Amino acid sequence: MVTRISAWNLLCEWTESDALRKHALAVEAGVGYYARMFGENEDEWRAVALLHDFDYERYPTLENHPFRGAEHLREQGYPEWAIRAVLSHADHTNTPRETRLEHTLFACDEMAGFVTAASLVRPSKSVLDLEASSVIKRMKDKAFARAVSRDDLRKGAEELGLPLAEHITNVIAGMREQAEALGLRGSL
């Protein structure tokens, strides 16, 4: 069985970086929001979101991540649907995204990172007063969070069948629920 607590424990066992743990929590917040919206099993979806990069600190290369993590999940008896979702979040694995969870994980991964960056440059340093229009404006600035693919941000919304602004609004809403844990309450 896939549970959030077992996923969190595995993430913490393999990941020491506070930034990478917070990224996992941010992705989890977005994915969890969508699970509720879609009427899916929120605990399972949150668990998969926490696991999507759990092997990255140990295996940060394209040759290894997330393949080594997937191997470990298989050894631990995780179900194939969860392993497939982890693999599908990275285009270089050539695992086509087919399920709603797979599309949601991909859509929330880069967007959560971008929303975090957009929150931290606000005067408040908070996600609580961030709006989609600010995120879209930041997307147009090629120098801002330059490592984040704008194409992937747009593609994620497209895969969910949502307008970009609506997807951003949903990710922000999920992250607002976890603002304290994400370090994004800021001065508000």
N, C-alpha and C. Protein backbone atom coordinates (compact mmCIF):
# COMPACT_ATOMS: atom_id res chain seq x y z
N MET A 1 0.83 -1.19 0.00
CA MET A 1 0.00 0.00 0.00
C MET A 1 0.87 1.25 0.00
N VAL A 2 0.44 2.24 -0.75
CA VAL A 2 1.18 3.49 -0.87
C VAL A 2 0.57 4.49 0.11
N THR A 3 1.36 4.91 1.09
CA THR A 3 0.86 5.90 2.05
C THR A 3 1.78 7.11 2.08
N ARG A 4 1.21 8.22 2.45
CA ARG A 4 1.99 9.45 2.53
C ARG A 4 3.10 9.31 3.56
N ILE A 5 2.80 8.72 4.70
CA ILE A 5 3.81 8.62 5.76
C ILE A 5 4.98 7.74 5.34
N SER A 6 4.72 6.63 4.66
CA SER A 6 5.83 5.77 4.21
C SER A 6 6.65 6.50 3.14
N ALA A 7 5.98 7.25 2.29
CA ALA A 7 6.69 8.02 1.26
C ALA A 7 7.55 9.11 1.90
N TRP A 8 7.00 9.81 2.88
CA TRP A 8 7.76 10.86 3.56
C TRP A 8 8.99 10.26 4.24
N ASN A 9 8.81 9.12 4.90
CA ASN A 9 9.95 8.48 5.57
C ASN A 9 11.03 8.08 4.57
N LEU A 10 10.64 7.54 3.42
CA LEU A 10 11.61 7.16 2.40
C LEU A 10 12.30 8.39 1.82
N LEU A 11 11.54 9.43 1.57
CA LEU A 11 12.13 10.68 1.08
C LEU A 11 13.17 11.20 2.07
N CYS A 12 12.84 11.23 3.34
CA CYS A 12 13.78 11.75 4.35
C CYS A 12 15.00 10.86 4.52
N GLU A 13 14.83 9.55 4.33
CA GLU A 13 15.95 8.62 4.41
C GLU A 13 16.95 8.87 3.28
N TRP A 14 16.45 9.19 2.10
CA TRP A 14 17.31 9.34 0.92
C TRP A 14 17.70 10.79 0.64
N THR A 15 17.03 11.76 1.25
CA THR A 15 17.22 13.16 0.90
C THR A 15 17.52 14.00 2.14
N GLU A 16 18.71 14.56 2.18
CA GLU A 16 19.10 15.42 3.31
C GLU A 16 18.80 16.89 3.03
N SER A 17 18.81 17.28 1.78
CA SER A 17 18.65 18.68 1.41
C SER A 17 17.27 19.22 1.77
N ASP A 18 17.27 20.29 2.56
CA ASP A 18 16.01 20.93 2.94
C ASP A 18 15.29 21.46 1.70
N ALA A 19 16.05 21.99 0.74
CA ALA A 19 15.45 22.54 -0.48
C ALA A 19 14.75 21.45 -1.29
N LEU A 20 15.37 20.29 -1.40
CA LEU A 20 14.76 19.20 -2.16
C LEU A 20 13.55 18.63 -1.43
N ARG A 21 13.62 18.57 -0.11
CA ARG A 21 12.45 18.14 0.66
C ARG A 21 11.30 19.12 0.48
N LYS A 22 11.61 20.41 0.52
CA LYS A 22 10.55 21.42 0.33
C LYS A 22 9.98 21.36 -1.08
N HIS A 23 10.83 21.07 -2.06
CA HIS A 23 10.32 20.91 -3.42
C HIS A 23 9.32 19.75 -3.45
N ALA A 24 9.67 18.64 -2.83
CA ALA A 24 8.75 17.49 -2.79
C ALA A 24 7.44 17.87 -2.11
N LEU A 25 7.53 18.64 -1.03
CA LEU A 25 6.31 19.08 -0.32
C LEU A 25 5.47 20.03 -1.18
N ALA A 26 6.14 20.87 -1.97
CA ALA A 26 5.42 21.79 -2.85
C ALA A 26 4.69 21.03 -3.95
N VAL A 27 5.37 20.07 -4.55
CA VAL A 27 4.74 19.24 -5.59
C VAL A 27 3.58 18.47 -4.96
N GLU A 28 3.81 17.92 -3.77
CA GLU A 28 2.75 17.20 -3.06
C GLU A 28 1.53 18.09 -2.84
N ALA A 29 1.76 19.34 -2.49
CA ALA A 29 0.64 20.25 -2.24
C ALA A 29 -0.21 20.44 -3.49
N GLY A 30 0.45 20.63 -4.63
CA GLY A 30 -0.28 20.79 -5.89
C GLY A 30 -1.00 19.51 -6.30
N VAL A 31 -0.30 18.39 -6.22
CA VAL A 31 -0.89 17.10 -6.60
C VAL A 31 -2.05 16.75 -5.67
N GLY A 32 -1.88 17.01 -4.38
CA GLY A 32 -2.95 16.74 -3.43
C GLY A 32 -4.19 17.57 -3.70
N TYR A 33 -3.98 18.83 -4.08
CA TYR A 33 -5.10 19.71 -4.43
C TYR A 33 -5.88 19.12 -5.61
N TYR A 34 -5.14 18.67 -6.63
CA TYR A 34 -5.78 18.07 -7.80
C TYR A 34 -6.47 16.75 -7.45
N ALA A 35 -5.88 15.95 -6.57
CA ALA A 35 -6.52 14.69 -6.18
C ALA A 35 -7.91 14.97 -5.60
N ARG A 36 -8.00 15.96 -4.74
CA ARG A 36 -9.32 16.34 -4.18
C ARG A 36 -10.25 16.83 -5.28
N MET A 37 -9.72 17.65 -6.16
CA MET A 37 -10.52 18.22 -7.24
C MET A 37 -11.07 17.13 -8.16
N PHE A 38 -10.25 16.11 -8.42
CA PHE A 38 -10.64 15.03 -9.32
C PHE A 38 -11.34 13.88 -8.61
N GLY A 39 -11.45 13.94 -7.28
CA GLY A 39 -12.08 12.86 -6.53
C GLY A 39 -11.24 11.60 -6.47
N GLU A 40 -9.92 11.76 -6.47
CA GLU A 40 -8.99 10.62 -6.42
C GLU A 40 -8.52 10.38 -4.99
N ASN A 41 -7.75 9.31 -4.79
CA ASN A 41 -7.22 8.98 -3.47
C ASN A 41 -6.09 9.95 -3.14
N GLU A 42 -6.39 10.90 -2.28
CA GLU A 42 -5.43 11.97 -1.99
C GLU A 42 -4.16 11.45 -1.33
N ASP A 43 -4.28 10.52 -0.41
CA ASP A 43 -3.12 10.00 0.29
C ASP A 43 -2.15 9.32 -0.69
N GLU A 44 -2.68 8.51 -1.60
CA GLU A 44 -1.83 7.84 -2.58
C GLU A 44 -1.18 8.83 -3.53
N TRP A 45 -1.96 9.80 -4.01
CA TRP A 45 -1.39 10.79 -4.93
C TRP A 45 -0.31 11.62 -4.24
N ARG A 46 -0.56 12.00 -2.99
CA ARG A 46 0.45 12.77 -2.24
C ARG A 46 1.72 11.95 -2.07
N ALA A 47 1.57 10.66 -1.79
CA ALA A 47 2.73 9.79 -1.61
C ALA A 47 3.58 9.75 -2.88
N VAL A 48 2.94 9.58 -4.02
CA VAL A 48 3.67 9.54 -5.28
C VAL A 48 4.39 10.87 -5.53
N ALA A 49 3.73 11.97 -5.23
CA ALA A 49 4.36 13.28 -5.41
C ALA A 49 5.61 13.41 -4.54
N LEU A 50 5.54 12.94 -3.31
CA LEU A 50 6.71 12.99 -2.43
C LEU A 50 7.86 12.15 -2.96
N LEU A 51 7.53 11.07 -3.66
CA LEU A 51 8.55 10.14 -4.13
C LEU A 51 9.16 10.50 -5.49
N HIS A 52 8.59 11.46 -6.20
CA HIS A 52 9.01 11.66 -7.58
C HIS A 52 10.50 11.97 -7.74
N ASP A 53 11.10 12.64 -6.77
CA ASP A 53 12.53 12.98 -6.83
C ASP A 53 13.32 12.40 -5.66
N PHE A 54 12.78 11.40 -4.97
CA PHE A 54 13.44 10.94 -3.74
C PHE A 54 14.86 10.43 -3.97
N ASP A 55 15.16 9.97 -5.19
CA ASP A 55 16.50 9.44 -5.48
C ASP A 55 17.45 10.49 -6.06
N TYR A 56 16.98 11.70 -6.27
CA TYR A 56 17.76 12.70 -7.00
C TYR A 56 19.07 13.08 -6.31
N GLU A 57 19.05 13.17 -4.99
CA GLU A 57 20.27 13.56 -4.28
C GLU A 57 21.36 12.50 -4.44
N ARG A 58 20.98 11.24 -4.42
CA ARG A 58 21.95 10.15 -4.58
C ARG A 58 22.33 9.92 -6.04
N TYR A 59 21.37 10.14 -6.93
CA TYR A 59 21.56 9.83 -8.36
C TYR A 59 21.10 10.99 -9.22
N PRO A 60 21.86 12.09 -9.25
CA PRO A 60 21.38 13.30 -9.94
C PRO A 60 21.56 13.33 -11.46
N THR A 61 22.03 12.26 -12.07
CA THR A 61 22.25 12.29 -13.51
C THR A 61 21.05 11.74 -14.27
N LEU A 62 20.95 12.13 -15.55
CA LEU A 62 19.87 11.64 -16.40
C LEU A 62 19.93 10.12 -16.58
N GLU A 63 21.13 9.56 -16.51
CA GLU A 63 21.28 8.11 -16.66
C GLU A 63 20.70 7.36 -15.46
N ASN A 64 20.65 8.01 -14.31
CA ASN A 64 20.25 7.33 -13.07
C ASN A 64 18.90 7.75 -12.49
N HIS A 65 18.58 9.04 -12.57
CA HIS A 65 17.33 9.54 -11.97
C HIS A 65 16.23 9.58 -13.02
N PRO A 66 15.06 9.07 -12.76
CA PRO A 66 14.54 8.39 -11.57
C PRO A 66 14.62 6.86 -11.65
N PHE A 67 15.46 6.36 -12.54
CA PHE A 67 15.56 4.90 -12.74
C PHE A 67 15.97 4.16 -11.47
N ARG A 68 16.99 4.67 -10.75
CA ARG A 68 17.45 3.99 -9.54
C ARG A 68 16.37 4.01 -8.47
N GLY A 69 15.66 5.12 -8.38
CA GLY A 69 14.56 5.19 -7.43
C GLY A 69 13.46 4.19 -7.76
N ALA A 70 13.15 4.07 -9.04
CA ALA A 70 12.12 3.11 -9.46
C ALA A 70 12.53 1.68 -9.08
N GLU A 71 13.81 1.36 -9.26
CA GLU A 71 14.30 0.03 -8.87
C GLU A 71 14.09 -0.20 -7.38
N HIS A 72 14.42 0.81 -6.58
CA HIS A 72 14.26 0.68 -5.13
C HIS A 72 12.78 0.52 -4.75
N LEU A 73 11.93 1.29 -5.40
CA LEU A 73 10.49 1.18 -5.12
C LEU A 73 9.98 -0.23 -5.44
N ARG A 74 10.46 -0.80 -6.55
CA ARG A 74 10.07 -2.18 -6.89
C ARG A 74 10.53 -3.16 -5.81
N GLU A 75 11.77 -2.97 -5.37
CA GLU A 75 12.32 -3.84 -4.32
C GLU A 75 11.50 -3.73 -3.03
N GLN A 76 10.95 -2.56 -2.79
CA GLN A 76 10.18 -2.32 -1.57
C GLN A 76 8.72 -2.74 -1.72
N GLY A 77 8.35 -3.20 -2.91
CA GLY A 77 6.99 -3.69 -3.11
C GLY A 77 5.96 -2.64 -3.47
N TYR A 78 6.42 -1.47 -3.92
CA TYR A 78 5.46 -0.45 -4.36
C TYR A 78 4.75 -0.93 -5.62
N PRO A 79 3.49 -0.54 -5.80
CA PRO A 79 2.74 -0.97 -6.98
C PRO A 79 3.28 -0.32 -8.26
N GLU A 80 3.10 -1.02 -9.34
CA GLU A 80 3.64 -0.56 -10.63
C GLU A 80 3.03 0.78 -11.05
N TRP A 81 1.77 1.06 -10.73
CA TRP A 81 1.16 2.34 -11.12
C TRP A 81 1.89 3.52 -10.46
N ALA A 82 2.37 3.34 -9.24
CA ALA A 82 3.09 4.41 -8.55
C ALA A 82 4.49 4.59 -9.16
N ILE A 83 5.15 3.46 -9.44
CA ILE A 83 6.49 3.50 -10.04
C ILE A 83 6.42 4.14 -11.43
N ARG A 84 5.41 3.77 -12.19
CA ARG A 84 5.23 4.33 -13.53
C ARG A 84 5.01 5.85 -13.47
N ALA A 85 4.27 6.30 -12.49
CA ALA A 85 4.04 7.75 -12.34
C ALA A 85 5.36 8.46 -12.06
N VAL A 86 6.17 7.89 -11.17
CA VAL A 86 7.48 8.48 -10.87
C VAL A 86 8.33 8.54 -12.14
N LEU A 87 8.36 7.46 -12.89
CA LEU A 87 9.15 7.43 -14.13
C LEU A 87 8.62 8.44 -15.15
N SER A 88 7.32 8.56 -15.26
CA SER A 88 6.73 9.40 -16.31
C SER A 88 6.90 10.90 -16.06
N HIS A 89 7.28 11.29 -14.85
CA HIS A 89 7.42 12.74 -14.61
C HIS A 89 8.63 13.33 -15.34
N ALA A 90 9.53 12.47 -15.78
CA ALA A 90 10.74 12.92 -16.47
C ALA A 90 10.70 12.44 -17.92
N ASP A 91 10.69 13.39 -18.85
CA ASP A 91 10.58 13.04 -20.26
C ASP A 91 11.69 12.11 -20.74
N HIS A 92 12.90 12.25 -20.16
CA HIS A 92 14.04 11.45 -20.65
C HIS A 92 13.89 9.95 -20.37
N THR A 93 12.90 9.55 -19.56
CA THR A 93 12.70 8.13 -19.29
C THR A 93 11.93 7.44 -20.42
N ASN A 94 11.36 8.25 -21.31
CA ASN A 94 10.53 7.73 -22.41
C ASN A 94 9.37 6.87 -21.90
N THR A 95 8.83 7.27 -20.76
CA THR A 95 7.63 6.63 -20.20
C THR A 95 6.46 7.56 -20.49
N PRO A 96 5.64 7.23 -21.47
CA PRO A 96 4.56 8.15 -21.83
C PRO A 96 3.56 8.30 -20.68
N ARG A 97 3.12 9.54 -20.50
CA ARG A 97 2.14 9.81 -19.46
C ARG A 97 0.76 9.43 -19.99
N GLU A 98 0.07 8.55 -19.26
CA GLU A 98 -1.23 8.06 -19.69
C GLU A 98 -2.33 8.32 -18.68
N THR A 99 -2.03 8.22 -17.39
CA THR A 99 -3.08 8.35 -16.38
C THR A 99 -3.20 9.80 -15.91
N ARG A 100 -4.31 10.07 -15.27
CA ARG A 100 -4.53 11.41 -14.71
C ARG A 100 -3.45 11.76 -13.69
N LEU A 101 -3.06 10.78 -12.86
CA LEU A 101 -1.99 11.02 -11.88
C LEU A 101 -0.68 11.38 -12.59
N GLU A 102 -0.34 10.65 -13.64
CA GLU A 102 0.91 10.92 -14.36
C GLU A 102 0.92 12.32 -14.94
N HIS A 103 -0.17 12.73 -15.54
CA HIS A 103 -0.26 14.08 -16.10
C HIS A 103 -0.20 15.13 -15.00
N THR A 104 -0.86 14.86 -13.89
CA THR A 104 -0.88 15.81 -12.77
C THR A 104 0.49 15.97 -12.15
N LEU A 105 1.19 14.87 -11.94
CA LEU A 105 2.54 14.95 -11.36
C LEU A 105 3.46 15.76 -12.25
N PHE A 106 3.43 15.50 -13.55
CA PHE A 106 4.26 16.27 -14.48
C PHE A 106 3.88 17.75 -14.42
N ALA A 107 2.60 18.04 -14.44
CA ALA A 107 2.13 19.43 -14.47
C ALA A 107 2.50 20.18 -13.20
N CYS A 108 2.52 19.50 -12.07
CA CYS A 108 2.80 20.17 -10.80
C CYS A 108 4.29 20.26 -10.49
N ASP A 109 5.10 19.40 -11.05
CA ASP A 109 6.52 19.35 -10.72
C ASP A 109 7.22 20.68 -10.99
N GLU A 110 7.32 21.07 -12.23
CA GLU A 110 8.01 22.31 -12.56
C GLU A 110 7.24 23.54 -12.09
N MET A 111 5.90 23.46 -12.14
CA MET A 111 5.10 24.61 -11.73
C MET A 111 5.29 24.92 -10.24
N ALA A 112 5.37 23.90 -9.41
CA ALA A 112 5.58 24.13 -7.98
C ALA A 112 6.90 24.85 -7.73
N GLY A 113 7.93 24.44 -8.46
CA GLY A 113 9.22 25.11 -8.32
C GLY A 113 9.16 26.56 -8.77
N PHE A 114 8.46 26.79 -9.87
CA PHE A 114 8.36 28.15 -10.40
C PHE A 114 7.53 29.04 -9.47
N VAL A 115 6.44 28.49 -8.94
CA VAL A 115 5.60 29.25 -8.00
C VAL A 115 6.39 29.57 -6.73
N THR A 116 7.21 28.63 -6.28
CA THR A 116 8.07 28.90 -5.12
C THR A 116 8.99 30.07 -5.40
N ALA A 117 9.66 30.05 -6.55
CA ALA A 117 10.57 31.13 -6.91
C ALA A 117 9.83 32.47 -7.01
N ALA A 118 8.65 32.44 -7.63
CA ALA A 118 7.87 33.67 -7.78
C ALA A 118 7.41 34.20 -6.42
N SER A 119 7.15 33.32 -5.49
CA SER A 119 6.75 33.73 -4.13
C SER A 119 7.90 34.40 -3.40
N LEU A 120 9.09 33.83 -3.54
CA LEU A 120 10.24 34.30 -2.78
C LEU A 120 10.77 35.66 -3.23
N VAL A 121 10.43 36.10 -4.44
CA VAL A 121 10.88 37.42 -4.89
C VAL A 121 9.85 38.51 -4.60
N ARG A 122 8.71 38.14 -4.06
CA ARG A 122 7.70 39.13 -3.68
C ARG A 122 8.17 39.88 -2.43
N PRO A 123 7.74 41.10 -2.25
CA PRO A 123 8.10 41.83 -1.02
C PRO A 123 7.71 41.05 0.24
N SER A 124 6.59 40.34 0.18
CA SER A 124 6.11 39.56 1.33
C SER A 124 6.83 38.23 1.48
N LYS A 125 7.52 37.77 0.42
CA LYS A 125 8.15 36.45 0.36
C LYS A 125 7.13 35.35 0.70
N SER A 126 5.92 35.52 0.17
CA SER A 126 4.83 34.63 0.53
C SER A 126 4.05 34.16 -0.69
N VAL A 127 3.55 32.92 -0.61
CA VAL A 127 2.64 32.39 -1.62
C VAL A 127 1.21 32.88 -1.35
N LEU A 128 0.98 33.40 -0.15
CA LEU A 128 -0.38 33.76 0.26
C LEU A 128 -0.95 34.95 -0.51
N ASP A 129 -0.09 35.80 -1.05
CA ASP A 129 -0.58 36.94 -1.83
C ASP A 129 -0.15 36.87 -3.29
N LEU A 130 0.30 35.70 -3.72
CA LEU A 130 0.71 35.49 -5.11
C LEU A 130 -0.51 35.15 -5.96
N GLU A 131 -0.59 35.71 -7.14
CA GLU A 131 -1.68 35.44 -8.08
C GLU A 131 -1.10 34.90 -9.39
N ALA A 132 -1.94 34.21 -10.14
CA ALA A 132 -1.51 33.63 -11.42
C ALA A 132 -0.93 34.66 -12.37
N SER A 133 -1.50 35.85 -12.38
CA SER A 133 -1.01 36.89 -13.30
C SER A 133 0.45 37.24 -13.03
N SER A 134 0.87 37.23 -11.77
CA SER A 134 2.27 37.49 -11.43
C SER A 134 3.17 36.37 -11.93
N VAL A 135 2.70 35.13 -11.82
CA VAL A 135 3.48 33.99 -12.28
C VAL A 135 3.63 34.04 -13.81
N ILE A 136 2.55 34.35 -14.49
CA ILE A 136 2.60 34.46 -15.96
C ILE A 136 3.56 35.57 -16.38
N LYS A 137 3.54 36.68 -15.66
CA LYS A 137 4.47 37.78 -15.96
C LYS A 137 5.92 37.31 -15.76
N ARG A 138 6.18 36.57 -14.70
CA ARG A 138 7.53 36.05 -14.45
C ARG A 138 7.95 35.05 -15.54
N MET A 139 7.00 34.31 -16.06
CA MET A 139 7.32 33.34 -17.12
C MET A 139 7.86 34.04 -18.36
N LYS A 140 7.44 35.27 -18.59
CA LYS A 140 7.89 36.02 -19.76
C LYS A 140 9.30 36.54 -19.60
N ASP A 141 9.79 36.60 -18.36
CA ASP A 141 11.14 37.07 -18.07
C ASP A 141 12.09 35.88 -18.16
N LYS A 142 12.82 35.78 -19.26
CA LYS A 142 13.69 34.63 -19.51
C LYS A 142 14.81 34.49 -18.48
N ALA A 143 15.19 35.59 -17.84
CA ALA A 143 16.27 35.55 -16.85
C ALA A 143 15.78 35.00 -15.51
N PHE A 144 14.48 35.07 -15.26
CA PHE A 144 13.93 34.62 -13.99
C PHE A 144 13.81 33.10 -13.98
N ALA A 145 14.36 32.45 -12.97
CA ALA A 145 14.31 30.99 -12.84
C ALA A 145 14.59 30.34 -14.20
N ARG A 146 15.69 30.75 -14.79
CA ARG A 146 16.02 30.37 -16.17
C ARG A 146 16.12 28.87 -16.40
N ALA A 147 16.37 28.10 -15.35
CA ALA A 147 16.49 26.64 -15.51
C ALA A 147 15.14 25.97 -15.73
N VAL A 148 14.06 26.67 -15.45
CA VAL A 148 12.72 26.08 -15.59
C VAL A 148 12.23 26.26 -17.03
N SER A 149 11.88 25.16 -17.64
CA SER A 149 11.39 25.18 -19.02
C SER A 149 9.99 25.77 -19.08
N ARG A 150 9.86 26.89 -19.76
CA ARG A 150 8.53 27.50 -19.93
C ARG A 150 7.63 26.58 -20.76
N ASP A 151 8.24 25.85 -21.69
CA ASP A 151 7.46 24.89 -22.49
C ASP A 151 6.86 23.81 -21.60
N ASP A 152 7.64 23.32 -20.62
CA ASP A 152 7.10 22.31 -19.71
C ASP A 152 5.98 22.87 -18.84
N LEU A 153 6.11 24.13 -18.43
CA LEU A 153 5.04 24.75 -17.64
C LEU A 153 3.74 24.78 -18.43
N ARG A 154 3.85 25.19 -19.70
CA ARG A 154 2.66 25.26 -20.56
C ARG A 154 2.14 23.85 -20.90
N LYS A 155 3.08 22.94 -21.18
CA LYS A 155 2.70 21.57 -21.54
C LYS A 155 1.96 20.88 -20.39
N GLY A 156 2.37 21.15 -19.16
CA GLY A 156 1.69 20.56 -18.01
C GLY A 156 0.23 20.95 -17.95
N ALA A 157 -0.05 22.24 -18.15
CA ALA A 157 -1.44 22.71 -18.15
C ALA A 157 -2.21 22.07 -19.31
N GLU A 158 -1.57 22.00 -20.47
CA GLU A 158 -2.22 21.39 -21.63
C GLU A 158 -2.57 19.92 -21.38
N GLU A 159 -1.64 19.19 -20.74
CA GLU A 159 -1.91 17.78 -20.47
C GLU A 159 -3.08 17.59 -19.50
N LEU A 160 -3.30 18.59 -18.65
CA LEU A 160 -4.45 18.54 -17.74
C LEU A 160 -5.73 19.05 -18.41
N GLY A 161 -5.57 19.63 -19.60
CA GLY A 161 -6.73 20.17 -20.30
C GLY A 161 -7.22 21.46 -19.69
N LEU A 162 -6.31 22.22 -19.08
CA LEU A 162 -6.68 23.46 -18.41
C LEU A 162 -5.96 24.65 -19.02
N PRO A 163 -6.59 25.82 -18.98
CA PRO A 163 -5.85 27.03 -19.34
C PRO A 163 -4.70 27.23 -18.35
N LEU A 164 -3.61 27.80 -18.82
CA LEU A 164 -2.42 27.98 -17.99
C LEU A 164 -2.75 28.72 -16.70
N ALA A 165 -3.49 29.80 -16.78
CA ALA A 165 -3.81 30.60 -15.58
C ALA A 165 -4.58 29.78 -14.55
N GLU A 166 -5.47 28.92 -15.02
CA GLU A 166 -6.24 28.08 -14.09
C GLU A 166 -5.34 27.06 -13.40
N HIS A 167 -4.44 26.46 -14.16
CA HIS A 167 -3.49 25.51 -13.56
C HIS A 167 -2.63 26.21 -12.51
N ILE A 168 -2.11 27.37 -12.84
CA ILE A 168 -1.28 28.11 -11.88
C ILE A 168 -2.09 28.42 -10.62
N THR A 169 -3.32 28.87 -10.80
CA THR A 169 -4.19 29.18 -9.66
C THR A 169 -4.38 27.95 -8.77
N ASN A 170 -4.57 26.79 -9.38
CA ASN A 170 -4.75 25.55 -8.61
C ASN A 170 -3.50 25.18 -7.83
N VAL A 171 -2.34 25.29 -8.47
CA VAL A 171 -1.09 24.97 -7.77
C VAL A 171 -0.86 25.94 -6.62
N ILE A 172 -1.11 27.22 -6.85
CA ILE A 172 -0.98 28.21 -5.78
C ILE A 172 -1.92 27.86 -4.63
N ALA A 173 -3.15 27.51 -4.95
CA ALA A 173 -4.13 27.17 -3.90
C ALA A 173 -3.65 26.00 -3.06
N GLY A 174 -3.12 24.96 -3.72
CA GLY A 174 -2.59 23.82 -2.98
C GLY A 174 -1.41 24.22 -2.11
N MET A 175 -0.53 25.04 -2.64
CA MET A 175 0.65 25.46 -1.90
C MET A 175 0.29 26.42 -0.76
N ARG A 176 -0.75 27.20 -0.92
CA ARG A 176 -1.18 28.08 0.18
C ARG A 176 -1.58 27.26 1.40
N GLU A 177 -2.19 26.11 1.17
CA GLU A 177 -2.60 25.25 2.28
C GLU A 177 -1.40 24.76 3.09
N GLN A 178 -0.24 24.73 2.47
CA GLN A 178 0.98 24.24 3.11
C GLN A 178 2.04 25.33 3.24
N ALA A 179 1.64 26.59 3.22
CA ALA A 179 2.58 27.71 3.20
C ALA A 179 3.61 27.64 4.32
N GLU A 180 3.17 27.30 5.51
CA GLU A 180 4.09 27.24 6.66
C GLU A 180 5.16 26.18 6.44
N ALA A 181 4.76 24.97 6.08
CA ALA A 181 5.71 23.87 5.88
C ALA A 181 6.66 24.14 4.72
N LEU A 182 6.19 24.90 3.74
CA LEU A 182 7.02 25.22 2.57
C LEU A 182 7.94 26.40 2.81
N GLY A 183 7.79 27.06 3.95
CA GLY A 183 8.58 28.27 4.21
C GLY A 183 8.12 29.43 3.36
N LEU A 184 6.84 29.42 2.97
CA LEU A 184 6.33 30.45 2.06
C LEU A 184 5.21 31.29 2.69
N ARG A 185 5.15 31.30 4.01
CA ARG A 185 4.20 32.20 4.66
C ARG A 185 4.72 33.63 4.58
N GLY A 186 6.03 33.78 4.62
CA GLY A 186 6.64 35.09 4.50
C GLY A 186 6.21 36.00 5.62
N SER A 187 6.00 37.25 5.29
CA SER A 187 5.64 38.24 6.31
C SER A 187 4.13 38.36 6.49
N LEU A 188 3.37 37.50 5.85
CA LEU A 188 1.90 37.58 5.96
C LEU A 188 1.36 36.69 7.06
